[in-house]
Protein backbone atom coordinates (compact mmCIF):
# COMPACT_ATOMS: atom_id res chain seq x y z
CA MET A 1 14.46 1.91 29.19
CA THR A 2 10.78 0.94 29.00
CA ALA A 3 9.17 -2.12 27.46
CA ALA A 4 7.53 -1.72 24.07
CA GLY A 5 3.87 -0.85 24.43
CA PRO A 6 0.95 -1.74 22.15
CA GLY A 7 1.41 1.49 20.20
CA ASP A 8 5.14 1.04 19.60
CA PRO A 9 5.83 1.03 15.80
CA ASP A 10 8.35 -1.82 16.01
CA GLU A 11 5.97 -3.91 18.10
CA LEU A 12 3.11 -3.24 15.68
CA ALA A 13 5.29 -4.24 12.75
CA ARG A 14 6.27 -7.45 14.54
CA LEU A 15 2.66 -8.32 15.33
CA ARG A 16 1.57 -7.63 11.77
CA GLY A 17 4.34 -9.89 10.52
CA GLU A 18 3.16 -12.65 12.84
CA VAL A 19 -0.42 -12.25 11.62
CA ARG A 20 0.72 -12.40 7.97
CA ALA A 21 2.70 -15.57 8.68
CA LEU A 22 -0.29 -17.14 10.44
CA ARG A 23 -2.57 -16.29 7.52
CA ALA A 24 -0.06 -17.80 5.10
CA ARG A 25 0.03 -21.03 7.11
CA VAL A 26 -3.76 -21.18 7.20
CA ARG A 27 -3.96 -20.69 3.42
CA ALA A 28 -1.30 -23.36 2.80
CA TYR A 29 -2.78 -25.93 5.18
CA PRO A 30 -5.30 -27.59 2.79
CA LEU A 31 -2.66 -28.02 0.08
CA ILE A 32 -0.05 -29.42 2.47
CA SER A 33 -2.66 -31.73 3.98
CA GLN A 34 -3.55 -33.01 0.49
CA ALA A 35 0.13 -33.67 -0.23
CA GLN A 36 0.50 -35.54 3.08
CA GLY A 37 -2.42 -37.78 2.17
CA MET A 38 -0.91 -38.57 -1.22
CA LEU A 39 2.42 -39.52 0.31
CA GLN A 40 0.76 -41.61 3.00
CA GLU A 41 -1.14 -43.62 0.40
CA ARG A 42 1.70 -43.83 -2.11
CA TYR A 43 4.37 -45.12 0.25
CA ALA A 44 2.18 -46.86 2.84
CA LEU A 45 3.26 -44.46 5.57
CA PRO A 46 1.78 -45.03 9.03
CA ASP A 47 0.21 -41.59 9.41
CA ALA A 48 0.11 -37.98 8.18
CA GLU A 49 2.87 -36.97 10.60
CA ALA A 50 5.28 -39.41 8.91
CA ALA A 51 4.40 -37.85 5.55
CA PHE A 52 4.97 -34.35 6.93
CA THR A 53 8.38 -35.41 8.27
CA LEU A 54 9.46 -36.56 4.80
CA MET A 55 8.22 -33.33 3.21
CA ARG A 56 10.05 -31.26 5.81
CA ARG A 57 13.31 -33.12 5.14
CA ALA A 58 13.03 -32.50 1.40
CA SER A 59 12.02 -28.87 1.97
CA GLN A 60 15.01 -28.18 4.19
CA ARG A 61 17.55 -30.06 2.05
CA PHE A 62 16.68 -28.14 -1.12
CA ASN A 63 15.58 -24.85 0.51
CA VAL A 64 12.11 -25.15 -1.01
CA LYS A 65 9.06 -23.76 0.78
CA MET A 66 6.64 -26.41 2.02
CA ARG A 67 3.79 -24.87 0.05
CA THR A 68 5.84 -24.87 -3.14
CA LEU A 69 6.88 -28.48 -2.59
CA ALA A 70 3.30 -29.52 -1.85
CA GLY A 71 2.05 -27.76 -4.99
CA ALA A 72 4.60 -29.57 -7.12
CA LEU A 73 3.72 -32.90 -5.51
CA VAL A 74 -0.02 -32.68 -6.14
CA THR A 75 0.34 -31.45 -9.75
CA THR A 76 3.10 -33.80 -10.96
CA ALA A 77 2.24 -37.21 -12.40
CA ARG A 78 2.94 -39.89 -9.79
CA PRO A 79 6.10 -41.97 -10.14
CA ASP A 80 6.30 -45.68 -10.73
CA GLU A 81 6.77 -46.78 -7.13
CA ARG A 82 8.71 -49.86 -8.36
CA THR A 83 11.50 -47.71 -9.79
CA ALA A 84 14.13 -45.79 -7.83
CA VAL A 85 14.03 -42.72 -10.10
CA TRP A 86 10.96 -40.53 -10.55
CA PHE A 87 12.22 -38.62 -13.62
CA PRO A 88 14.51 -41.04 -15.50
CA ARG A 89 14.63 -39.09 -18.78
CA ARG A 90 15.18 -35.65 -17.30
CA VAL A 91 17.86 -33.53 -18.98
CA ARG A 92 19.72 -31.17 -16.66
CA HIS A 93 20.55 -27.66 -17.88
CA PRO A 94 22.93 -25.07 -16.42
CA GLU A 95 21.51 -22.31 -14.27
CA PRO A 96 20.64 -19.25 -16.40
CA ALA A 97 22.56 -16.03 -15.90
CA LEU A 98 20.85 -13.21 -14.02
CA GLY A 99 22.10 -9.73 -14.73
CA PHE A 100 19.94 -7.97 -12.13
CA LEU A 101 21.28 -9.57 -8.94
CA PRO A 102 23.14 -7.25 -6.56
CA PRO A 103 26.93 -7.69 -6.51
CA GLY A 104 28.14 -10.44 -4.21
CA THR A 105 24.89 -12.46 -4.29
CA GLU A 106 25.68 -14.70 -7.27
CA GLY A 107 26.18 -17.74 -5.03
CA ALA A 108 23.00 -17.25 -2.99
CA ARG A 109 20.32 -17.76 -5.58
CA SER A 110 17.42 -19.01 -3.55
CA ARG A 111 14.03 -18.59 -5.16
CA GLY A 112 13.07 -15.96 -2.59
CA ALA A 113 16.28 -13.99 -3.15
CA VAL A 114 15.76 -13.97 -6.92
CA LEU A 115 12.15 -12.84 -6.65
CA GLY A 116 13.18 -10.12 -4.20
CA ALA A 117 15.86 -8.91 -6.61
CA VAL A 118 13.32 -8.88 -9.46
CA LEU A 119 11.07 -6.62 -7.41
CA ASP A 120 13.91 -4.31 -6.34
CA ARG A 121 15.18 -3.87 -9.90
CA THR A 122 11.70 -3.18 -11.26
CA LEU A 123 11.09 -0.47 -8.69
CA ASP A 124 14.46 1.10 -9.53
CA VAL A 125 13.63 1.19 -13.25
CA VAL A 126 10.11 2.57 -12.80
CA GLY A 127 11.19 4.92 -10.02
CA THR A 128 8.84 4.07 -7.20
CA GLY A 129 8.85 2.34 -3.81
CA MET A 130 5.68 0.24 -3.97
CA GLY A 131 5.27 -3.07 -5.73
CA ASN A 132 4.84 -6.82 -5.66
CA VAL A 133 5.97 -9.93 -7.47
CA GLN A 134 3.76 -12.94 -8.21
CA THR A 135 4.19 -16.42 -9.64
CA VAL A 136 1.73 -18.61 -11.50
CA ASP A 137 -0.21 -20.78 -9.05
CA ARG A 138 0.25 -24.29 -10.45
CA VAL A 139 -2.63 -25.66 -8.35
CA ARG A 140 -5.36 -23.00 -8.68
CA GLY A 141 -4.19 -21.17 -11.79
CA GLY A 142 -3.92 -17.39 -11.78
CA LEU A 143 -1.18 -15.50 -9.92
CA ARG A 144 -0.12 -15.82 -6.28
CA MET A 145 1.62 -13.07 -4.29
CA GLU A 146 5.23 -13.91 -3.39
CA ARG A 147 6.92 -10.64 -2.39
CA HIS A 148 5.70 -7.11 -1.76
CA THR A 149 6.88 -3.78 -0.39
CA GLY A 150 5.23 -0.47 0.46
CA LEU A 151 1.69 -1.86 0.16
CA SER A 152 -1.07 -2.01 2.77
CA GLU A 153 -2.20 -5.13 4.63
CA GLU A 154 -5.58 -4.85 2.90
CA PHE A 155 -3.87 -4.78 -0.51
CA VAL A 156 -1.77 -7.87 0.28
CA ASP A 157 -4.79 -9.81 1.56
CA PHE A 158 -7.05 -8.82 -1.34
CA PHE A 159 -4.48 -9.65 -4.03
CA GLU A 160 -3.03 -12.76 -2.34
CA HIS A 161 -4.42 -14.65 -5.35
CA VAL A 162 -5.40 -13.02 -8.64
CA GLY A 163 -7.68 -14.66 -11.20
CA PRO A 164 -7.85 -14.12 -14.96
CA ASP A 165 -9.75 -10.80 -14.94
CA GLY A 166 -10.15 -7.50 -13.15
CA THR A 167 -6.52 -6.38 -12.76
CA SER A 168 -3.67 -5.05 -14.88
CA CYS A 169 -1.41 -7.96 -13.87
CA ALA A 170 -4.05 -10.44 -15.07
CA ARG A 171 -4.16 -8.65 -18.44
CA ALA A 172 -0.35 -8.61 -18.66
CA ALA A 173 -0.29 -12.36 -17.92
CA ARG A 174 -2.98 -13.07 -20.51
CA ASP A 175 -1.37 -10.95 -23.24
CA VAL A 176 2.22 -11.77 -22.16
CA SER A 177 3.15 -8.13 -22.54
CA GLN A 178 3.88 -5.14 -20.33
CA VAL A 179 0.87 -3.12 -19.23
CA THR A 180 0.94 0.47 -17.98
CA VAL A 181 -2.02 1.90 -16.09
CA ARG A 182 -1.47 5.63 -16.05
CA ASP A 183 -4.47 6.41 -13.84
CA VAL A 184 -5.95 3.69 -11.61
CA GLU A 185 -9.03 5.77 -10.85
CA SER A 186 -10.24 5.84 -14.45
CA ASP A 187 -8.74 2.79 -16.17
CA PRO A 188 -11.41 0.19 -17.10
CA VAL A 189 -9.02 -2.77 -16.63
CA PHE A 190 -9.86 -2.99 -12.92
CA SER A 191 -12.93 -4.42 -11.28
CA GLU A 192 -14.44 -1.89 -8.90
CA PRO A 193 -13.44 -3.78 -5.70
CA ALA A 194 -9.85 -4.08 -6.97
CA ARG A 195 -9.75 -0.39 -7.89
CA GLN A 196 -10.89 0.69 -4.43
CA VAL A 197 -8.30 -1.48 -2.65
CA ILE A 198 -5.50 -0.16 -4.88
CA LEU A 199 -6.51 3.46 -4.35
CA ALA A 200 -6.83 2.93 -0.59
CA ALA A 201 -3.23 1.63 -0.58
CA GLY A 202 -2.05 4.95 -2.03
CA SER A 203 -1.43 3.73 -5.57
CA ARG A 204 -2.54 5.97 -8.42
CA ALA A 205 -0.75 4.21 -11.30
CA CYS A 206 1.02 0.92 -11.95
CA HIS A 207 3.15 -0.96 -14.45
CA SER A 208 3.16 -4.77 -14.79
CA VAL A 209 5.89 -6.88 -16.40
CA PRO A 210 5.41 -10.60 -17.21
CA LEU A 211 8.20 -13.04 -16.32
CA THR A 212 8.50 -15.29 -19.38
CA THR A 213 10.18 -18.52 -20.44
CA SER A 214 12.15 -18.95 -23.65
CA ALA A 215 8.94 -20.38 -25.18
CA GLY A 216 7.04 -17.20 -24.28
CA ARG A 217 5.04 -18.71 -21.41
CA CYS A 218 4.21 -16.42 -18.49
CA VAL A 219 5.43 -17.93 -15.19
CA GLY A 220 5.20 -14.83 -13.03
CA MET A 221 4.55 -11.10 -12.83
CA VAL A 222 6.19 -8.08 -11.25
CA SER A 223 4.29 -4.83 -10.78
CA ALA A 224 5.37 -1.37 -9.66
CA HIS A 225 2.87 1.02 -8.10
CA ALA A 226 3.22 4.80 -7.98
CA ASP A 227 1.52 7.39 -5.81
CA ARG A 228 1.04 9.66 -8.83
CA PRO A 229 -0.14 9.17 -12.44
CA LEU A 230 2.59 7.60 -14.56
CA PRO A 231 3.71 8.88 -17.94
CA GLU A 232 4.37 6.32 -20.65
CA LEU A 233 7.72 4.60 -19.99
CA ASP A 234 10.41 5.36 -22.55
CA ARG A 235 11.87 2.70 -24.82
CA THR A 236 15.04 2.28 -22.75
CA ARG A 237 13.10 1.42 -19.60
CA ILE A 238 10.65 -0.85 -21.46
CA GLU A 239 13.57 -2.80 -22.94
CA ALA A 240 15.30 -3.03 -19.56
CA LEU A 241 12.11 -4.48 -18.05
CA ASP A 242 11.69 -6.88 -20.99
CA THR A 243 15.20 -8.17 -20.35
CA LEU A 244 14.50 -8.47 -16.63
CA GLY A 245 11.27 -10.38 -17.26
CA ALA A 246 12.94 -12.76 -19.70
CA GLN A 247 15.89 -13.50 -17.41
CA ALA A 248 13.68 -14.01 -14.36
CA GLY A 249 11.19 -16.19 -16.26
CA ARG A 250 13.92 -18.42 -17.67
CA TRP A 251 15.42 -18.79 -14.19
CA LEU A 252 12.05 -19.72 -12.67
CA ALA A 253 11.51 -22.33 -15.40
CA TRP A 254 15.01 -23.73 -14.71
CA TYR A 255 14.24 -23.79 -10.98
CA GLU A 256 11.08 -25.83 -11.55
CA ARG A 257 12.87 -28.29 -13.87
CA THR A 258 15.93 -28.61 -11.64
CA VAL A 259 15.69 -27.68 -7.95
CA LEU A 260 12.01 -28.54 -7.55
CA LEU A 261 12.33 -31.86 -9.39
CA ASP A 262 15.45 -32.66 -7.34
CA ALA A 263 13.34 -32.14 -4.20
CA LEU A 264 10.60 -34.42 -5.55
CA GLU A 265 13.18 -37.04 -6.51
CA TYR A 266 14.60 -36.95 -2.99
CA LEU A 267 11.10 -37.19 -1.53
CA HIS A 268 10.46 -40.27 -3.69
CA ALA A 269 13.67 -41.87 -2.39
CA LEU A 270 12.67 -41.13 1.21
CA GLY A 271 9.23 -42.60 0.63
CA ARG A 272 10.61 -45.81 -0.89
CA GLU A 273 13.07 -46.09 1.98
CA SER A 274 10.32 -45.65 4.55
CA ARG A 275 8.11 -48.24 2.89
CA ALA A 276 10.93 -50.79 2.83
CA ALA A 277 11.89 -50.24 6.48
CA PRO A 278 10.60 -52.87 8.94
CA ARG A 279 7.78 -51.65 11.15
CA PRO A 280 7.77 -52.36 14.88
CA ALA A 281 4.96 -54.60 16.01
CA HIS A 282 2.08 -52.72 17.57
CA HIS A 283 0.72 -54.08 20.85
CA PRO A 284 -2.33 -52.25 22.21
CA ALA A 285 -1.59 -51.02 25.71
CA GLY A 286 -3.78 -52.38 28.50
CA PRO A 287 -5.04 -50.26 31.36
CA ALA A 288 -2.43 -48.85 33.68
CA ARG A 289 -1.65 -50.96 36.73
CA GLY A 290 -4.17 -50.24 39.43
CA ALA A 291 -6.39 -48.07 37.21
CA PRO A 292 -10.04 -48.95 36.54
CA ALA A 293 -10.60 -50.45 33.06
CA GLY A 294 -12.78 -47.54 31.97
CA ALA A 295 -10.39 -44.75 33.03
């Protein structure tokens, strides 16, 4: 048995995964740093590390990604620090039903698992193996990539964040309706840089489905890509995707009103507790015994 070499497919996949994770951390750093600063000021914390510790505790307790928690923190109106409850008039609602989850996963509804199931079901309906799911970026606006499969590294990097123009998913989000691109090479919806990246990834057609709340607000997008031109989807598949988008969008809205606000509420309690805790006196250390004063 020999060690994996630099050309080993499994080793390459592992290294690419590590690079993706590193890039994600780099992209999230400014937002998390901003959230740390807000917590440090709000609860008189001693330093940014103390703020990060509180965020990590809330993230782990509620299984919320640090970036998602930080985004909610910097976009939610600050609490009254004198009160124990951040959202005193919040009304709790039951978790919406999801008809597209695989059997046996009803009790494991993490946000990542739901988004993954949305992508899997969409690819099954459209009949392809390439696609991605996005959510609305509450800090920057536009759409942010959450899950993907079958797409190139260049595609994932280029479409990590999508603005209001130049893509079919941006049009679907703007119009809050499904959009089919039957031929990527000729459809005018794409900017030229976006078109070239999509074609280089092996996609020749795509179909985008908005994830919508009960009020008709777009909170996410799922797109399927095909390596061949797509015919118009029949009514049965369009309706199945409409149902999927509505169920997923209502669940995401519930998640933001429930799980995410629970995490913020817990973070507020931790911050108040930290501010009220007595601080040890700080005595500047003198030079070590026997060491010169300037060492």
